[in-house]
Amino acid sequence: MTHESLQFNPFKPLLLLSIAFLLGGCAGNPPNDKMATAQQSFNQANADEGDRYAPLEMRVAQEKLSKAHAEMHDEDYEEAAALADEAMINAKLASAKVNAARSTAKLEELKKSISSLRHEIGAQRQMQ
């Protein structure tokens, strides 16, 4: 090696630092769409009385959403996106449980109506 190749080149560390900074900056974009979708799913489940029919799922969704907001603040966008996805899934599960509970209640009402009609039909047949 010659003396020239051992010389300090101030541009190499600067270039390496610039590349590292650019790659770090490209780590991801804020998952604004996922955050909005998760919040919308949570709001819908809440409006559908998710707290009444699926309190556990609603609580978990709220916790995940809060953690996702904290990760957004800390600029950990990958973790924020994952938490937003989990919050959305829990909120949608809560909505599904609400729908199932309401369907079950309607089914019970229909069964009672059918039973009542059968009773009336039986009573009318006996009168004839």
N, C-alpha and C. Protein backbone atom coordinates (compact mmCIF):
# COMPACT_ATOMS: atom_id res chain seq x y z
N MET A 1 0.84 -1.18 0.00
CA MET A 1 0.00 0.00 0.00
C MET A 1 0.88 1.23 0.00
N THR A 2 0.39 2.17 -0.69
CA THR A 2 1.15 3.42 -0.76
C THR A 2 0.68 4.36 0.32
N HIS A 3 1.45 5.37 0.53
CA HIS A 3 1.12 6.38 1.53
C HIS A 3 -0.17 7.11 1.16
N GLU A 4 -0.46 7.25 -0.11
CA GLU A 4 -1.66 7.96 -0.57
C GLU A 4 -2.93 7.18 -0.22
N SER A 5 -2.91 5.87 -0.28
CA SER A 5 -4.11 5.08 0.01
C SER A 5 -4.45 5.08 1.49
N LEU A 6 -3.50 5.39 2.36
CA LEU A 6 -3.74 5.43 3.78
C LEU A 6 -4.20 6.80 4.25
N GLN A 7 -4.21 7.77 3.36
CA GLN A 7 -4.62 9.11 3.74
C GLN A 7 -6.09 9.14 4.13
N PHE A 8 -6.39 9.98 5.07
CA PHE A 8 -7.77 10.15 5.52
C PHE A 8 -8.56 10.88 4.45
N ASN A 9 -9.68 10.31 4.08
CA ASN A 9 -10.57 10.93 3.10
C ASN A 9 -11.81 11.40 3.85
N PRO A 10 -12.00 12.72 4.04
CA PRO A 10 -13.13 13.21 4.83
C PRO A 10 -14.49 12.95 4.17
N PHE A 11 -14.48 12.62 2.92
CA PHE A 11 -15.75 12.41 2.23
C PHE A 11 -16.34 11.02 2.46
N LYS A 12 -15.51 10.02 2.75
CA LYS A 12 -16.01 8.67 2.98
C LYS A 12 -16.91 8.59 4.21
N PRO A 13 -16.47 9.08 5.38
CA PRO A 13 -17.37 9.01 6.53
C PRO A 13 -18.63 9.84 6.32
N LEU A 14 -18.49 10.97 5.68
CA LEU A 14 -19.65 11.81 5.41
C LEU A 14 -20.62 11.09 4.47
N LEU A 15 -20.08 10.42 3.47
CA LEU A 15 -20.91 9.66 2.53
C LEU A 15 -21.61 8.51 3.26
N LEU A 16 -20.87 7.77 4.09
CA LEU A 16 -21.47 6.66 4.84
C LEU A 16 -22.54 7.15 5.80
N LEU A 17 -22.27 8.26 6.47
CA LEU A 17 -23.25 8.84 7.39
C LEU A 17 -24.50 9.28 6.64
N SER A 18 -24.32 9.87 5.47
CA SER A 18 -25.47 10.31 4.66
C SER A 18 -26.31 9.13 4.20
N ILE A 19 -25.64 8.06 3.80
CA ILE A 19 -26.36 6.86 3.35
C ILE A 19 -27.15 6.26 4.52
N ALA A 20 -26.52 6.17 5.68
CA ALA A 20 -27.21 5.63 6.85
C ALA A 20 -28.40 6.49 7.23
N PHE A 21 -28.25 7.79 7.16
CA PHE A 21 -29.34 8.69 7.48
C PHE A 21 -30.49 8.54 6.50
N LEU A 22 -30.17 8.44 5.22
CA LEU A 22 -31.22 8.28 4.21
C LEU A 22 -31.95 6.95 4.37
N LEU A 23 -31.19 5.89 4.64
CA LEU A 23 -31.84 4.59 4.83
C LEU A 23 -32.70 4.59 6.08
N GLY A 24 -32.24 5.22 7.12
CA GLY A 24 -33.04 5.34 8.33
C GLY A 24 -34.30 6.13 8.10
N GLY A 25 -34.23 7.15 7.28
CA GLY A 25 -35.38 7.98 6.94
C GLY A 25 -36.38 7.24 6.08
N CYS A 26 -35.91 6.23 5.38
CA CYS A 26 -36.80 5.45 4.51
C CYS A 26 -37.39 4.25 5.25
N ALA A 27 -37.24 4.23 6.56
CA ALA A 27 -37.71 3.08 7.33
C ALA A 27 -39.20 2.87 7.18
N GLY A 28 -39.92 3.86 6.79
CA GLY A 28 -41.34 3.70 6.57
C GLY A 28 -42.07 5.01 6.64
N ASN A 29 -43.23 4.98 6.12
CA ASN A 29 -44.09 6.16 6.16
C ASN A 29 -45.14 5.95 7.24
N PRO A 30 -45.63 7.02 7.81
CA PRO A 30 -46.69 6.87 8.82
C PRO A 30 -47.88 6.11 8.24
N PRO A 31 -48.37 5.11 8.96
CA PRO A 31 -49.50 4.31 8.46
C PRO A 31 -50.84 5.02 8.72
N ASN A 32 -50.97 6.20 8.15
CA ASN A 32 -52.17 7.01 8.41
C ASN A 32 -53.45 6.31 7.98
N ASP A 33 -53.40 5.61 6.86
CA ASP A 33 -54.60 4.90 6.38
C ASP A 33 -55.01 3.80 7.36
N LYS A 34 -54.03 3.04 7.84
CA LYS A 34 -54.34 1.96 8.78
C LYS A 34 -54.87 2.53 10.10
N MET A 35 -54.29 3.63 10.53
CA MET A 35 -54.74 4.26 11.78
C MET A 35 -56.18 4.74 11.62
N ALA A 36 -56.47 5.35 10.49
CA ALA A 36 -57.83 5.85 10.25
C ALA A 36 -58.83 4.70 10.16
N THR A 37 -58.45 3.62 9.49
CA THR A 37 -59.33 2.47 9.36
C THR A 37 -59.59 1.83 10.72
N ALA A 38 -58.55 1.70 11.53
CA ALA A 38 -58.71 1.13 12.86
C ALA A 38 -59.62 2.00 13.72
N GLN A 39 -59.42 3.32 13.64
CA GLN A 39 -60.24 4.23 14.43
C GLN A 39 -61.69 4.17 13.98
N GLN A 40 -61.90 4.09 12.67
CA GLN A 40 -63.26 4.01 12.13
C GLN A 40 -63.93 2.70 12.56
N SER A 41 -63.20 1.60 12.53
CA SER A 41 -63.76 0.32 12.96
C SER A 41 -64.11 0.36 14.44
N PHE A 42 -63.25 0.97 15.23
CA PHE A 42 -63.52 1.09 16.66
C PHE A 42 -64.75 1.96 16.91
N ASN A 43 -64.83 3.09 16.21
CA ASN A 43 -65.98 3.98 16.38
C ASN A 43 -67.28 3.30 15.99
N GLN A 44 -67.25 2.51 14.92
CA GLN A 44 -68.45 1.80 14.48
C GLN A 44 -68.87 0.76 15.51
N ALA A 45 -67.90 0.01 16.02
CA ALA A 45 -68.22 -1.00 17.03
C ALA A 45 -68.76 -0.34 18.30
N ASN A 46 -68.21 0.80 18.63
CA ASN A 46 -68.68 1.54 19.80
C ASN A 46 -70.11 2.03 19.59
N ALA A 47 -70.40 2.53 18.40
CA ALA A 47 -71.75 3.00 18.07
C ALA A 47 -72.75 1.85 18.07
N ASP A 48 -72.28 0.65 17.73
CA ASP A 48 -73.14 -0.54 17.69
C ASP A 48 -73.29 -1.19 19.07
N GLU A 49 -72.88 -0.51 20.11
CA GLU A 49 -72.94 -1.03 21.47
C GLU A 49 -71.97 -2.18 21.72
N GLY A 50 -70.79 -2.06 21.15
CA GLY A 50 -69.76 -3.07 21.37
C GLY A 50 -69.41 -3.25 22.82
N ASP A 51 -69.44 -2.15 23.59
CA ASP A 51 -69.13 -2.25 25.02
C ASP A 51 -70.12 -3.16 25.75
N ARG A 52 -71.34 -3.20 25.26
CA ARG A 52 -72.37 -4.02 25.90
C ARG A 52 -72.24 -5.49 25.54
N TYR A 53 -72.02 -5.76 24.25
CA TYR A 53 -72.02 -7.13 23.77
C TYR A 53 -70.63 -7.77 23.68
N ALA A 54 -69.58 -6.96 23.60
CA ALA A 54 -68.22 -7.48 23.46
C ALA A 54 -67.23 -6.59 24.21
N PRO A 55 -67.39 -6.50 25.53
CA PRO A 55 -66.54 -5.56 26.29
C PRO A 55 -65.05 -5.89 26.24
N LEU A 56 -64.70 -7.17 26.25
CA LEU A 56 -63.29 -7.55 26.20
C LEU A 56 -62.65 -7.11 24.89
N GLU A 57 -63.31 -7.41 23.78
CA GLU A 57 -62.77 -7.05 22.48
C GLU A 57 -62.65 -5.54 22.33
N MET A 58 -63.63 -4.81 22.86
CA MET A 58 -63.57 -3.36 22.78
C MET A 58 -62.42 -2.80 23.62
N ARG A 59 -62.21 -3.38 24.80
CA ARG A 59 -61.11 -2.91 25.64
C ARG A 59 -59.76 -3.19 24.97
N VAL A 60 -59.60 -4.36 24.40
CA VAL A 60 -58.36 -4.72 23.73
C VAL A 60 -58.15 -3.81 22.52
N ALA A 61 -59.21 -3.56 21.76
CA ALA A 61 -59.10 -2.67 20.60
C ALA A 61 -58.67 -1.27 21.03
N GLN A 62 -59.26 -0.77 22.11
CA GLN A 62 -58.91 0.56 22.61
C GLN A 62 -57.44 0.61 23.05
N GLU A 63 -56.99 -0.44 23.74
CA GLU A 63 -55.60 -0.49 24.19
C GLU A 63 -54.64 -0.52 23.01
N LYS A 64 -54.95 -1.34 22.01
CA LYS A 64 -54.09 -1.44 20.82
C LYS A 64 -54.07 -0.12 20.06
N LEU A 65 -55.21 0.52 19.98
CA LEU A 65 -55.28 1.81 19.29
C LEU A 65 -54.47 2.87 20.03
N SER A 66 -54.55 2.87 21.34
CA SER A 66 -53.77 3.83 22.13
C SER A 66 -52.27 3.58 21.97
N LYS A 67 -51.88 2.31 21.98
CA LYS A 67 -50.47 1.97 21.78
C LYS A 67 -50.01 2.35 20.38
N ALA A 68 -50.89 2.17 19.40
CA ALA A 68 -50.54 2.54 18.02
C ALA A 68 -50.31 4.04 17.91
N HIS A 69 -51.14 4.82 18.59
CA HIS A 69 -50.94 6.27 18.58
C HIS A 69 -49.61 6.64 19.24
N ALA A 70 -49.26 5.95 20.32
CA ALA A 70 -47.98 6.21 20.99
C ALA A 70 -46.81 5.87 20.08
N GLU A 71 -46.92 4.76 19.37
CA GLU A 71 -45.86 4.36 18.43
C GLU A 71 -45.75 5.35 17.28
N MET A 72 -46.87 5.87 16.84
CA MET A 72 -46.83 6.91 15.80
C MET A 72 -46.07 8.12 16.32
N HIS A 73 -46.34 8.50 17.54
CA HIS A 73 -45.66 9.64 18.15
C HIS A 73 -44.16 9.40 18.23
N ASP A 74 -43.79 8.14 18.53
CA ASP A 74 -42.37 7.77 18.62
C ASP A 74 -41.75 7.47 17.26
N GLU A 75 -42.55 7.59 16.22
CA GLU A 75 -42.15 7.35 14.83
C GLU A 75 -41.72 5.90 14.57
N ASP A 76 -42.27 4.97 15.34
CA ASP A 76 -42.08 3.55 15.08
C ASP A 76 -43.28 3.11 14.24
N TYR A 77 -43.21 3.42 12.96
CA TYR A 77 -44.35 3.24 12.08
C TYR A 77 -44.69 1.78 11.83
N GLU A 78 -43.68 0.93 11.83
CA GLU A 78 -43.95 -0.50 11.60
C GLU A 78 -44.78 -1.06 12.75
N GLU A 79 -44.38 -0.75 13.97
CA GLU A 79 -45.11 -1.22 15.15
C GLU A 79 -46.50 -0.57 15.20
N ALA A 80 -46.58 0.71 14.85
CA ALA A 80 -47.87 1.40 14.84
C ALA A 80 -48.83 0.74 13.86
N ALA A 81 -48.32 0.37 12.69
CA ALA A 81 -49.16 -0.29 11.67
C ALA A 81 -49.65 -1.64 12.18
N ALA A 82 -48.76 -2.40 12.82
CA ALA A 82 -49.15 -3.72 13.34
C ALA A 82 -50.21 -3.57 14.43
N LEU A 83 -50.02 -2.61 15.32
CA LEU A 83 -51.00 -2.39 16.39
C LEU A 83 -52.33 -1.89 15.84
N ALA A 84 -52.28 -1.05 14.82
CA ALA A 84 -53.51 -0.57 14.20
C ALA A 84 -54.28 -1.73 13.56
N ASP A 85 -53.55 -2.63 12.93
CA ASP A 85 -54.20 -3.83 12.35
C ASP A 85 -54.87 -4.66 13.44
N GLU A 86 -54.16 -4.86 14.55
CA GLU A 86 -54.73 -5.63 15.65
C GLU A 86 -55.95 -4.95 16.25
N ALA A 87 -55.88 -3.63 16.37
CA ALA A 87 -57.02 -2.88 16.91
C ALA A 87 -58.22 -3.02 15.98
N MET A 88 -57.98 -2.94 14.68
CA MET A 88 -59.07 -3.06 13.72
C MET A 88 -59.71 -4.46 13.79
N ILE A 89 -58.88 -5.48 13.91
CA ILE A 89 -59.39 -6.85 13.99
C ILE A 89 -60.24 -7.03 15.24
N ASN A 90 -59.78 -6.51 16.37
CA ASN A 90 -60.56 -6.62 17.60
C ASN A 90 -61.86 -5.84 17.51
N ALA A 91 -61.83 -4.67 16.90
CA ALA A 91 -63.05 -3.88 16.74
C ALA A 91 -64.03 -4.59 15.82
N LYS A 92 -63.53 -5.19 14.75
CA LYS A 92 -64.42 -5.92 13.84
C LYS A 92 -64.98 -7.17 14.52
N LEU A 93 -64.19 -7.81 15.35
CA LEU A 93 -64.69 -8.96 16.11
C LEU A 93 -65.80 -8.52 17.06
N ALA A 94 -65.61 -7.36 17.69
CA ALA A 94 -66.65 -6.82 18.57
C ALA A 94 -67.92 -6.57 17.79
N SER A 95 -67.80 -5.99 16.60
CA SER A 95 -68.97 -5.74 15.76
C SER A 95 -69.66 -7.04 15.38
N ALA A 96 -68.86 -8.05 15.07
CA ALA A 96 -69.43 -9.36 14.71
C ALA A 96 -70.18 -9.96 15.90
N LYS A 97 -69.63 -9.81 17.09
CA LYS A 97 -70.33 -10.32 18.28
C LYS A 97 -71.62 -9.55 18.53
N VAL A 98 -71.61 -8.25 18.28
CA VAL A 98 -72.84 -7.45 18.41
C VAL A 98 -73.89 -7.99 17.46
N ASN A 99 -73.50 -8.19 16.20
CA ASN A 99 -74.44 -8.70 15.20
C ASN A 99 -74.95 -10.09 15.57
N ALA A 100 -74.07 -10.94 16.08
CA ALA A 100 -74.49 -12.29 16.48
C ALA A 100 -75.48 -12.22 17.65
N ALA A 101 -75.20 -11.36 18.61
CA ALA A 101 -76.11 -11.24 19.77
C ALA A 101 -77.47 -10.72 19.33
N ARG A 102 -77.46 -9.75 18.44
CA ARG A 102 -78.74 -9.20 17.95
C ARG A 102 -79.50 -10.24 17.14
N SER A 103 -78.79 -11.01 16.33
CA SER A 103 -79.44 -12.06 15.54
C SER A 103 -80.02 -13.13 16.45
N THR A 104 -79.31 -13.48 17.50
CA THR A 104 -79.80 -14.47 18.46
C THR A 104 -81.07 -13.96 19.14
N ALA A 105 -81.06 -12.69 19.50
CA ALA A 105 -82.25 -12.11 20.14
C ALA A 105 -83.44 -12.13 19.19
N LYS A 106 -83.21 -11.80 17.91
CA LYS A 106 -84.29 -11.83 16.92
C LYS A 106 -84.80 -13.25 16.71
N LEU A 107 -83.88 -14.21 16.71
CA LEU A 107 -84.27 -15.60 16.55
C LEU A 107 -85.15 -16.05 17.71
N GLU A 108 -84.80 -15.66 18.92
CA GLU A 108 -85.61 -16.02 20.09
C GLU A 108 -87.01 -15.39 19.99
N GLU A 109 -87.07 -14.15 19.51
CA GLU A 109 -88.38 -13.50 19.33
C GLU A 109 -89.22 -14.25 18.31
N LEU A 110 -88.59 -14.67 17.21
CA LEU A 110 -89.31 -15.42 16.18
C LEU A 110 -89.79 -16.77 16.71
N LYS A 111 -88.96 -17.42 17.50
CA LYS A 111 -89.37 -18.70 18.09
C LYS A 111 -90.59 -18.52 18.99
N LYS A 112 -90.59 -17.46 19.77
CA LYS A 112 -91.73 -17.18 20.65
C LYS A 112 -92.98 -16.89 19.82
N SER A 113 -92.81 -16.13 18.75
CA SER A 113 -93.96 -15.82 17.89
C SER A 113 -94.52 -17.07 17.25
N ILE A 114 -93.64 -17.94 16.77
CA ILE A 114 -94.07 -19.20 16.16
C ILE A 114 -94.79 -20.07 17.19
N SER A 115 -94.24 -20.13 18.37
CA SER A 115 -94.88 -20.93 19.43
C SER A 115 -96.26 -20.37 19.76
N SER A 116 -96.36 -19.06 19.83
CA SER A 116 -97.65 -18.42 20.12
C SER A 116 -98.65 -18.70 19.02
N LEU A 117 -98.22 -18.61 17.78
CA LEU A 117 -99.11 -18.89 16.64
C LEU A 117 -99.56 -20.35 16.66
N ARG A 118 -98.65 -21.26 16.95
CA ARG A 118 -99.02 -22.67 17.01
C ARG A 118 -100.07 -22.91 18.10
N HIS A 119 -99.88 -22.23 19.23
CA HIS A 119 -100.83 -22.36 20.33
C HIS A 119 -102.22 -21.85 19.90
N GLU A 120 -102.24 -20.71 19.21
CA GLU A 120 -103.51 -20.14 18.74
C GLU A 120 -104.17 -21.06 17.73
N ILE A 121 -103.37 -21.61 16.81
CA ILE A 121 -103.92 -22.52 15.80
C ILE A 121 -104.50 -23.76 16.48
N GLY A 122 -103.79 -24.28 17.46
CA GLY A 122 -104.29 -25.45 18.20
C GLY A 122 -105.58 -25.14 18.94
N ALA A 123 -105.66 -23.95 19.52
CA ALA A 123 -106.88 -23.56 20.23
C ALA A 123 -108.03 -23.41 19.27
N GLN A 124 -107.80 -22.85 18.09
CA GLN A 124 -108.87 -22.69 17.09
C GLN A 124 -109.34 -24.03 16.59
N ARG A 125 -108.46 -24.98 16.40
CA ARG A 125 -108.85 -26.30 15.92
C ARG A 125 -109.73 -27.03 16.94
N GLN A 126 -109.42 -26.80 18.20
CA GLN A 126 -110.21 -27.45 19.24
C GLN A 126 -111.61 -26.86 19.31
N MET A 127 -111.73 -25.59 18.97
CA MET A 127 -113.04 -24.92 19.00
C MET A 127 -113.90 -25.36 17.83
N GLN A 128 -113.31 -25.84 16.80
CA GLN A 128 -114.10 -26.20 15.61
C GLN A 128 -114.71 -27.52 15.74
